[in-house]
């Protein structure tokens, strides 16, 4: 789980390895871990979730011009 500004938190589930210790500041481009298969998953994948003030929100990525 990574805490961001304005009440946002991102979660990264099913990682096979996590390279960021709790409390460490993370900057853009930092490798935080690698995808894996844990729990009842049927293959390697990443569970990515965005929350705002503890409530799940739909991640929105704005389209770039020309794409």
PDB file of N, CA and C in Angstrom:
ATOM      1  N   UNK A   1       0.853  -1.167   0.000  1.00  0.00           N
ATOM      2  CA  UNK A   1       0.000   0.000   0.000  1.00  0.00           C
ATOM      3  C   UNK A   1       0.901   1.233   0.000  1.00  0.00           C
ATOM      4  N   UNK A   2       0.593   2.163  -0.876  1.00  0.00           N
ATOM      5  CA  UNK A   2       1.357   3.408  -0.941  1.00  0.00           C
ATOM      6  C   UNK A   2       0.396   4.567  -0.715  1.00  0.00           C
ATOM      7  N   UNK A   3       0.746   5.417   0.238  1.00  0.00           N
ATOM      8  CA  UNK A   3      -0.078   6.594   0.535  1.00  0.00           C
ATOM      9  C   UNK A   3       0.373   7.759  -0.345  1.00  0.00           C
ATOM     10  N   UNK A   4      -0.615   8.447  -0.901  1.00  0.00           N
ATOM     11  CA  UNK A   4      -0.370   9.597  -1.768  1.00  0.00           C
ATOM     12  C   UNK A   4      -1.033  10.825  -1.148  1.00  0.00           C
ATOM     13  N   UNK A   5      -0.853  11.959  -1.784  1.00  0.00           N
ATOM     14  CA  UNK A   5      -1.482  13.200  -1.319  1.00  0.00           C
ATOM     15  C   UNK A   5      -2.994  13.137  -1.499  1.00  0.00           C
ATOM     16  N   UNK A   6      -3.687  14.005  -0.818  1.00  0.00           N
ATOM     17  CA  UNK A   6      -5.133  14.217  -0.960  1.00  0.00           C
ATOM     18  C   UNK A   6      -5.970  12.987  -0.608  1.00  0.00           C
ATOM     19  N   UNK A   7      -5.487  12.156   0.304  1.00  0.00           N
ATOM     20  CA  UNK A   7      -6.265  11.016   0.773  1.00  0.00           C
ATOM     21  C   UNK A   7      -6.233   9.788  -0.112  1.00  0.00           C
ATOM     22  N   UNK A   8      -5.404   9.788  -1.148  1.00  0.00           N
ATOM     23  CA  UNK A   8      -5.325   8.635  -2.049  1.00  0.00           C
ATOM     24  C   UNK A   8      -4.359   7.583  -1.522  1.00  0.00           C
ATOM     25  N   UNK A   9      -4.708   6.327  -1.781  1.00  0.00           N
ATOM     26  CA  UNK A   9      -3.869   5.180  -1.462  1.00  0.00           C
ATOM     27  C   UNK A   9      -3.935   4.239  -2.661  1.00  0.00           C
ATOM     28  N   UNK A  10      -2.797   3.637  -3.034  1.00  0.00           N
ATOM     29  CA  UNK A  10      -2.815   2.606  -4.072  1.00  0.00           C
ATOM     30  C   UNK A  10      -2.375   1.293  -3.454  1.00  0.00           C
ATOM     31  N   UNK A  11      -3.049   0.219  -3.870  1.00  0.00           N
ATOM     32  CA  UNK A  11      -2.750  -1.122  -3.374  1.00  0.00           C
ATOM     33  C   UNK A  11      -2.250  -1.980  -4.521  1.00  0.00           C
ATOM     34  N   UNK A  12      -1.291  -2.838  -4.225  1.00  0.00           N
ATOM     35  CA  UNK A  12      -0.693  -3.711  -5.225  1.00  0.00           C
ATOM     36  C   UNK A  12      -0.702  -5.128  -4.664  1.00  0.00           C
ATOM     37  N   UNK A  13      -1.624  -5.959  -5.164  1.00  0.00           N
ATOM     38  CA  UNK A  13      -1.772  -7.306  -4.631  1.00  0.00           C
ATOM     39  C   UNK A  13      -1.162  -8.360  -5.534  1.00  0.00           C
ATOM     40  N   UNK A  14      -0.881  -9.505  -4.964  1.00  0.00           N
ATOM     41  CA  UNK A  14      -0.327 -10.688  -5.632  1.00  0.00           C
ATOM     42  C   UNK A  14       1.122 -10.484  -6.056  1.00  0.00           C
ATOM     43  N   UNK A  15       1.852  -9.623  -5.367  1.00  0.00           N
ATOM     44  CA  UNK A  15       3.264  -9.435  -5.696  1.00  0.00           C
ATOM     45  C   UNK A  15       4.061 -10.662  -5.263  1.00  0.00           C
ATOM     46  N   UNK A  16       5.013 -11.083  -6.100  1.00  0.00           N
ATOM     47  CA  UNK A  16       5.894 -12.190  -5.726  1.00  0.00           C
ATOM     48  C   UNK A  16       7.023 -11.690  -4.839  1.00  0.00           C
ATOM     49  N   UNK A  17       7.347 -10.412  -4.964  1.00  0.00           N
ATOM     50  CA  UNK A  17       8.386  -9.797  -4.143  1.00  0.00           C
ATOM     51  C   UNK A  17       8.071  -8.315  -4.007  1.00  0.00           C
ATOM     52  N   UNK A  18       8.329  -7.782  -2.832  1.00  0.00           N
ATOM     53  CA  UNK A  18       8.113  -6.359  -2.569  1.00  0.00           C
ATOM     54  C   UNK A  18       9.441  -5.758  -2.131  1.00  0.00           C
ATOM     55  N   UNK A  19       9.885  -4.715  -2.807  1.00  0.00           N
ATOM     56  CA  UNK A  19      11.198  -4.129  -2.553  1.00  0.00           C
ATOM     57  C   UNK A  19      11.164  -2.825  -1.770  1.00  0.00           C
ATOM     58  N   UNK A  20      10.004  -2.432  -1.290  1.00  0.00           N
ATOM     59  CA  UNK A  20       9.887  -1.177  -0.559  1.00  0.00           C
ATOM     60  C   UNK A  20       9.476  -1.474   0.881  1.00  0.00           C
ATOM     61  N   UNK A  21      10.361  -1.215   1.838  1.00  0.00           N
ATOM     62  CA  UNK A  21       9.990  -1.439   3.233  1.00  0.00           C
ATOM     63  C   UNK A  21       8.926  -0.443   3.698  1.00  0.00           C
ATOM     64  N   UNK A  22       8.141  -0.847   4.663  1.00  0.00           N
ATOM     65  CA  UNK A  22       7.094   0.021   5.205  1.00  0.00           C
ATOM     66  C   UNK A  22       7.695   1.326   5.705  1.00  0.00           C
ATOM     67  N   UNK A  23       7.054   2.426   5.329  1.00  0.00           N
ATOM     68  CA  UNK A  23       7.492   3.750   5.768  1.00  0.00           C
ATOM     69  C   UNK A  23       8.472   4.434   4.831  1.00  0.00           C
ATOM     70  N   UNK A  24       9.012   3.706   3.842  1.00  0.00           N
ATOM     71  CA  UNK A  24       9.970   4.309   2.916  1.00  0.00           C
ATOM     72  C   UNK A  24       9.248   5.197   1.904  1.00  0.00           C
ATOM     73  N   UNK A  25       9.836   6.342   1.594  1.00  0.00           N
ATOM     74  CA  UNK A  25       9.265   7.233   0.584  1.00  0.00           C
ATOM     75  C   UNK A  25       9.539   6.667  -0.798  1.00  0.00           C
ATOM     76  N   UNK A  26       8.523   6.687  -1.649  1.00  0.00           N
ATOM     77  CA  UNK A  26       8.637   6.144  -3.002  1.00  0.00           C
ATOM     78  C   UNK A  26       8.535   7.287  -3.999  1.00  0.00           C
ATOM     79  N   UNK A  27       9.452   7.314  -4.930  1.00  0.00           N
ATOM     80  CA  UNK A  27       9.430   8.329  -5.979  1.00  0.00           C
ATOM     81  C   UNK A  27       9.086   7.678  -7.317  1.00  0.00           C
ATOM     82  N   UNK A  28       8.656   8.482  -8.261  1.00  0.00           N
ATOM     83  CA  UNK A  28       8.304   8.004  -9.594  1.00  0.00           C
ATOM     84  C   UNK A  28       9.463   7.217 -10.199  1.00  0.00           C
ATOM     85  N   UNK A  29       9.161   6.074 -10.795  1.00  0.00           N
ATOM     86  CA  UNK A  29      10.172   5.245 -11.432  1.00  0.00           C
ATOM     87  C   UNK A  29      10.752   4.166 -10.546  1.00  0.00           C
ATOM     88  N   UNK A  30      10.478   4.215  -9.260  1.00  0.00           N
ATOM     89  CA  UNK A  30      11.001   3.222  -8.313  1.00  0.00           C
ATOM     90  C   UNK A  30      10.294   1.881  -8.518  1.00  0.00           C
ATOM     91  N   UNK A  31      11.061   0.803  -8.576  1.00  0.00           N
ATOM     92  CA  UNK A  31      10.475  -0.535  -8.647  1.00  0.00           C
ATOM     93  C   UNK A  31      10.011  -0.902  -7.249  1.00  0.00           C
ATOM     94  N   UNK A  32       8.718  -1.184  -7.110  1.00  0.00           N
ATOM     95  CA  UNK A  32       8.189  -1.533  -5.785  1.00  0.00           C
ATOM     96  C   UNK A  32       8.039  -3.037  -5.610  1.00  0.00           C
ATOM     97  N   UNK A  33       7.998  -3.782  -6.710  1.00  0.00           N
ATOM     98  CA  UNK A  33       7.884  -5.230  -6.620  1.00  0.00           C
ATOM     99  C   UNK A  33       7.660  -5.839  -7.987  1.00  0.00           C
ATOM    100  N   UNK A  34       7.424  -7.166  -7.981  1.00  0.00           N
ATOM    101  CA  UNK A  34       7.159  -7.899  -9.213  1.00  0.00           C
ATOM    102  C   UNK A  34       5.865  -8.676  -9.075  1.00  0.00           C
ATOM    103  N   UNK A  35       5.145  -8.815 -10.191  1.00  0.00           N
ATOM    104  CA  UNK A  35       3.879  -9.534 -10.148  1.00  0.00           C
ATOM    105  C   UNK A  35       4.121 -10.987  -9.764  1.00  0.00           C
ATOM    106  N   UNK A  36       3.068 -11.586  -9.218  1.00  0.00           N
ATOM    107  CA  UNK A  36       3.161 -12.978  -8.817  1.00  0.00           C
ATOM    108  C   UNK A  36       1.788 -13.612  -8.794  1.00  0.00           C
ATOM    109  N   UNK A  37       1.710 -14.728  -8.095  1.00  0.00           N
ATOM    110  CA  UNK A  37       0.460 -15.465  -7.966  1.00  0.00           C
ATOM    111  C   UNK A  37       0.340 -15.893  -6.517  1.00  0.00           C
ATOM    112  N   UNK A  38      -0.595 -15.294  -5.803  1.00  0.00           N
ATOM    113  CA  UNK A  38      -0.771 -15.638  -4.393  1.00  0.00           C
ATOM    114  C   UNK A  38      -2.251 -15.849  -4.108  1.00  0.00           C
ATOM    115  N   UNK A  39      -2.541 -16.426  -2.970  1.00  0.00           N
ATOM    116  CA  UNK A  39      -3.933 -16.673  -2.616  1.00  0.00           C
ATOM    117  C   UNK A  39      -4.559 -17.675  -3.561  1.00  0.00           C
ATOM    118  N   UNK A  40      -5.758 -17.378  -4.028  1.00  0.00           N
ATOM    119  CA  UNK A  40      -6.486 -18.289  -4.919  1.00  0.00           C
ATOM    120  C   UNK A  40      -6.367 -17.891  -6.386  1.00  0.00           C
ATOM    121  N   UNK A  41      -5.359 -17.107  -6.732  1.00  0.00           N
ATOM    122  CA  UNK A  41      -5.210 -16.686  -8.127  1.00  0.00           C
ATOM    123  C   UNK A  41      -4.806 -17.879  -8.993  1.00  0.00           C
ATOM    124  N   UNK A  42      -5.125 -17.806 -10.273  1.00  0.00           N
ATOM    125  CA  UNK A  42      -4.833 -18.908 -11.190  1.00  0.00           C
ATOM    126  C   UNK A  42      -3.610 -18.646 -12.060  1.00  0.00           C
ATOM    127  N   UNK A  43      -2.949 -17.530 -11.851  1.00  0.00           N
ATOM    128  CA  UNK A  43      -1.747 -17.214 -12.614  1.00  0.00           C
ATOM    129  C   UNK A  43      -1.182 -15.875 -12.191  1.00  0.00           C
ATOM    130  N   UNK A  44      -0.004 -15.577 -12.676  1.00  0.00           N
ATOM    131  CA  UNK A  44       0.646 -14.313 -12.338  1.00  0.00           C
ATOM    132  C   UNK A  44      -0.167 -13.134 -12.848  1.00  0.00           C
ATOM    133  N   UNK A  45      -0.366 -12.163 -11.996  1.00  0.00           N
ATOM    134  CA  UNK A  45      -1.058 -10.936 -12.376  1.00  0.00           C
ATOM    135  C   UNK A  45      -0.882  -9.915 -11.260  1.00  0.00           C
ATOM    136  N   UNK A  46      -1.328  -8.706 -11.500  1.00  0.00           N
ATOM    137  CA  UNK A  46      -1.262  -7.638 -10.504  1.00  0.00           C
ATOM    138  C   UNK A  46      -2.673  -7.183 -10.169  1.00  0.00           C
ATOM    139  N   UNK A  47      -2.989  -7.145  -8.899  1.00  0.00           N
ATOM    140  CA  UNK A  47      -4.249  -6.546  -8.450  1.00  0.00           C
ATOM    141  C   UNK A  47      -3.909  -5.112  -8.070  1.00  0.00           C
ATOM    142  N   UNK A  48      -4.438  -4.151  -8.825  1.00  0.00           N
ATOM    143  CA  UNK A  48      -4.165  -2.727  -8.607  1.00  0.00           C
ATOM    144  C   UNK A  48      -5.460  -2.068  -8.175  1.00  0.00           C
ATOM    145  N   UNK A  49      -5.401  -1.354  -7.077  1.00  0.00           N
ATOM    146  CA  UNK A  49      -6.605  -0.695  -6.566  1.00  0.00           C
ATOM    147  C   UNK A  49      -6.258   0.709  -6.097  1.00  0.00           C
ATOM    148  N   UNK A  50      -7.153   1.648  -6.368  1.00  0.00           N
ATOM    149  CA  UNK A  50      -7.002   3.028  -5.910  1.00  0.00           C
ATOM    150  C   UNK A  50      -8.123   3.311  -4.926  1.00  0.00           C
ATOM    151  N   UNK A  51      -7.768   3.905  -3.800  1.00  0.00           N
ATOM    152  CA  UNK A  51      -8.767   4.298  -2.803  1.00  0.00           C
ATOM    153  C   UNK A  51      -8.567   5.763  -2.447  1.00  0.00           C
ATOM    154  N   UNK A  52      -9.675   6.414  -2.121  1.00  0.00           N
ATOM    155  CA  UNK A  52      -9.621   7.792  -1.633  1.00  0.00           C
ATOM    156  C   UNK A  52     -10.362   7.821  -0.311  1.00  0.00           C
ATOM    157  N   UNK A  53      -9.650   8.210   0.725  1.00  0.00           N
ATOM    158  CA  UNK A  53     -10.186   8.212   2.087  1.00  0.00           C
ATOM    159  C   UNK A  53     -10.810   6.861   2.429  1.00  0.00           C
ATOM    160  N   UNK A  54     -10.128   5.773   2.016  1.00  0.00           N
ATOM    161  CA  UNK A  54     -10.549   4.424   2.364  1.00  0.00           C
ATOM    162  C   UNK A  54     -11.600   3.801   1.471  1.00  0.00           C
ATOM    163  N   UNK A  55     -12.118   4.548   0.507  1.00  0.00           N
ATOM    164  CA  UNK A  55     -13.164   4.016  -0.378  1.00  0.00           C
ATOM    165  C   UNK A  55     -12.597   3.780  -1.776  1.00  0.00           C
ATOM    166  N   UNK A  56     -12.864   2.615  -2.373  1.00  0.00           N
ATOM    167  CA  UNK A  56     -12.365   2.342  -3.724  1.00  0.00           C
ATOM    168  C   UNK A  56     -12.905   3.351  -4.738  1.00  0.00           C
ATOM    169  N   UNK A  57     -12.042   3.780  -5.644  1.00  0.00           N
ATOM    170  CA  UNK A  57     -12.442   4.671  -6.731  1.00  0.00           C
ATOM    171  C   UNK A  57     -11.955   4.081  -8.049  1.00  0.00           C
ATOM    172  N   UNK A  58     -12.613   4.444  -9.130  1.00  0.00           N
ATOM    173  CA  UNK A  58     -12.211   3.971 -10.443  1.00  0.00           C
ATOM    174  C   UNK A  58     -11.009   4.784 -10.917  1.00  0.00           C
ATOM    175  N   UNK A  59      -9.888   4.119 -11.208  1.00  0.00           N
ATOM    176  CA  UNK A  59      -8.722   4.864 -11.698  1.00  0.00           C
ATOM    177  C   UNK A  59      -9.031   5.482 -13.056  1.00  0.00           C
ATOM    178  N   UNK A  60      -8.631   6.689 -13.248  1.00  0.00           N
ATOM    179  CA  UNK A  60      -8.885   7.397 -14.499  1.00  0.00           C
ATOM    180  C   UNK A  60      -7.559   7.854 -15.076  1.00  0.00           C
ATOM    181  N   UNK A  61      -7.307   7.468 -16.297  1.00  0.00           N
ATOM    182  CA  UNK A  61      -6.102   7.909 -16.988  1.00  0.00           C
ATOM    183  C   UNK A  61      -6.548   8.693 -18.214  1.00  0.00           C
ATOM    184  N   UNK A  62      -6.192   9.948 -18.248  1.00  0.00           N
ATOM    185  CA  UNK A  62      -6.592  10.830 -19.345  1.00  0.00           C
ATOM    186  C   UNK A  62      -5.878  10.429 -20.632  1.00  0.00           C
ATOM    187  N   UNK A  63      -6.616  10.396 -21.719  1.00  0.00           N
ATOM    188  CA  UNK A  63      -6.024  10.095 -23.017  1.00  0.00           C
ATOM    189  C   UNK A  63      -5.129  11.241 -23.445  1.00  0.00           C
ATOM    190  N   UNK A  64      -4.010  10.879 -24.045  1.00  0.00           N
ATOM    191  CA  UNK A  64      -3.109  11.891 -24.583  1.00  0.00           C
ATOM    192  C   UNK A  64      -3.503  12.206 -26.016  1.00  0.00           C
ATOM    193  N   UNK A  65      -3.230  13.416 -26.417  1.00  0.00           N
ATOM    194  CA  UNK A  65      -3.500  13.804 -27.804  1.00  0.00           C
ATOM    195  C   UNK A  65      -2.609  13.002 -28.740  1.00  0.00           C
ATOM    196  N   UNK A  66      -3.168  12.622 -29.869  1.00  0.00           N
ATOM    197  CA  UNK A  66      -2.384  11.932 -30.882  1.00  0.00           C
ATOM    198  C   UNK A  66      -2.266  10.440 -30.678  1.00  0.00           C
ATOM    199  N   UNK A  67      -2.874   9.924 -29.642  1.00  0.00           N
ATOM    200  CA  UNK A  67      -2.799   8.471 -29.430  1.00  0.00           C
ATOM    201  C   UNK A  67      -4.095   7.809 -29.794  1.00  0.00           C
TER     202      UNK A  67
END
